[in-house]
Amino acid sequence: MREIVFDTETTGFEPSDGHRIVEIGLVELVDHFPTGNELRFYLNPEREVPIESQRVHGLSNGFLADKPLFAAVADEILAFIGDAPLVIHNASFDIKFINAELARCGHPPIPLHRAIDTIEIAKRKLPGARYSLDELCKRFAIDLSARTKHGALLDCQLTAQVYLELIGGRQKGFSLAPAEIAASAAQGPGPARKRPVRLPSLLTEEEQARHAAFIAKELGDKPLWLKSA
């Protein structure tokens, strides 16, 4: 299963107020694990970047002045995303910004239901916890030393790690919610499951023959497993 972790840095909080994207990051996951296939664009927002936003992501007007416009890279971004679900930390924020940029280029919007929001997963799995990316990284002992400022690609890489932990880490079926663990324990063990097809023996025919001869010589018809067979 292919998924894309997606993040943006922007000039402000609302595209309806004229704010624009200044950085886009994308990280490919296959079966929930990063493949190393990544994409990042710094973008000229065609407007001034408020100093408050520069303090968050460190992207100045001078740095962004010669970067491409969103319209120049839109097709490459959409091709990278394809039809994959988007894993996003605080999905509504990034979706509204990417859709505002797509609308300027005449592209259809990305539906919000395509997004897997790691905040929403955290709320279900970790009730009462703090849900910022920093706090979730600290909870799961994910290295934050490189995050001196926000960055779209870096935040994608961190979100990918948080996402893996939220869905059960390397044991993807494992639940982190204490309430779910307690409920499972209260129900007791479930019914024993039988394997539909018996696994083949790893013993060679010669080894099986030697074993049968040993049993016949030493135990005869005494073994209980032979009587119950």
Foldseek 3Di string as FASTA:
>chain_A
DKEKEKFFQKLDQDVVVVIATQKIKIFIDDPLHTPPDIDMFGAQSVDARDPVSCVFAVQHNVNHVPGHHCLVCVVVVCVVRPQHQYEYAVQVRVQNRVQSSCVVNVHHGDDSVSYDHLQVLCCVQPPPFDRDLVRLCVVVVNDPPVPPHDDTHVSSVSSSQSVCVSCPNVVNVDGNHPVVVVVVVVVPDDDDDDDPDDDDDPDDPVVVVVVVVCCCVPPNCNDPVNVVD
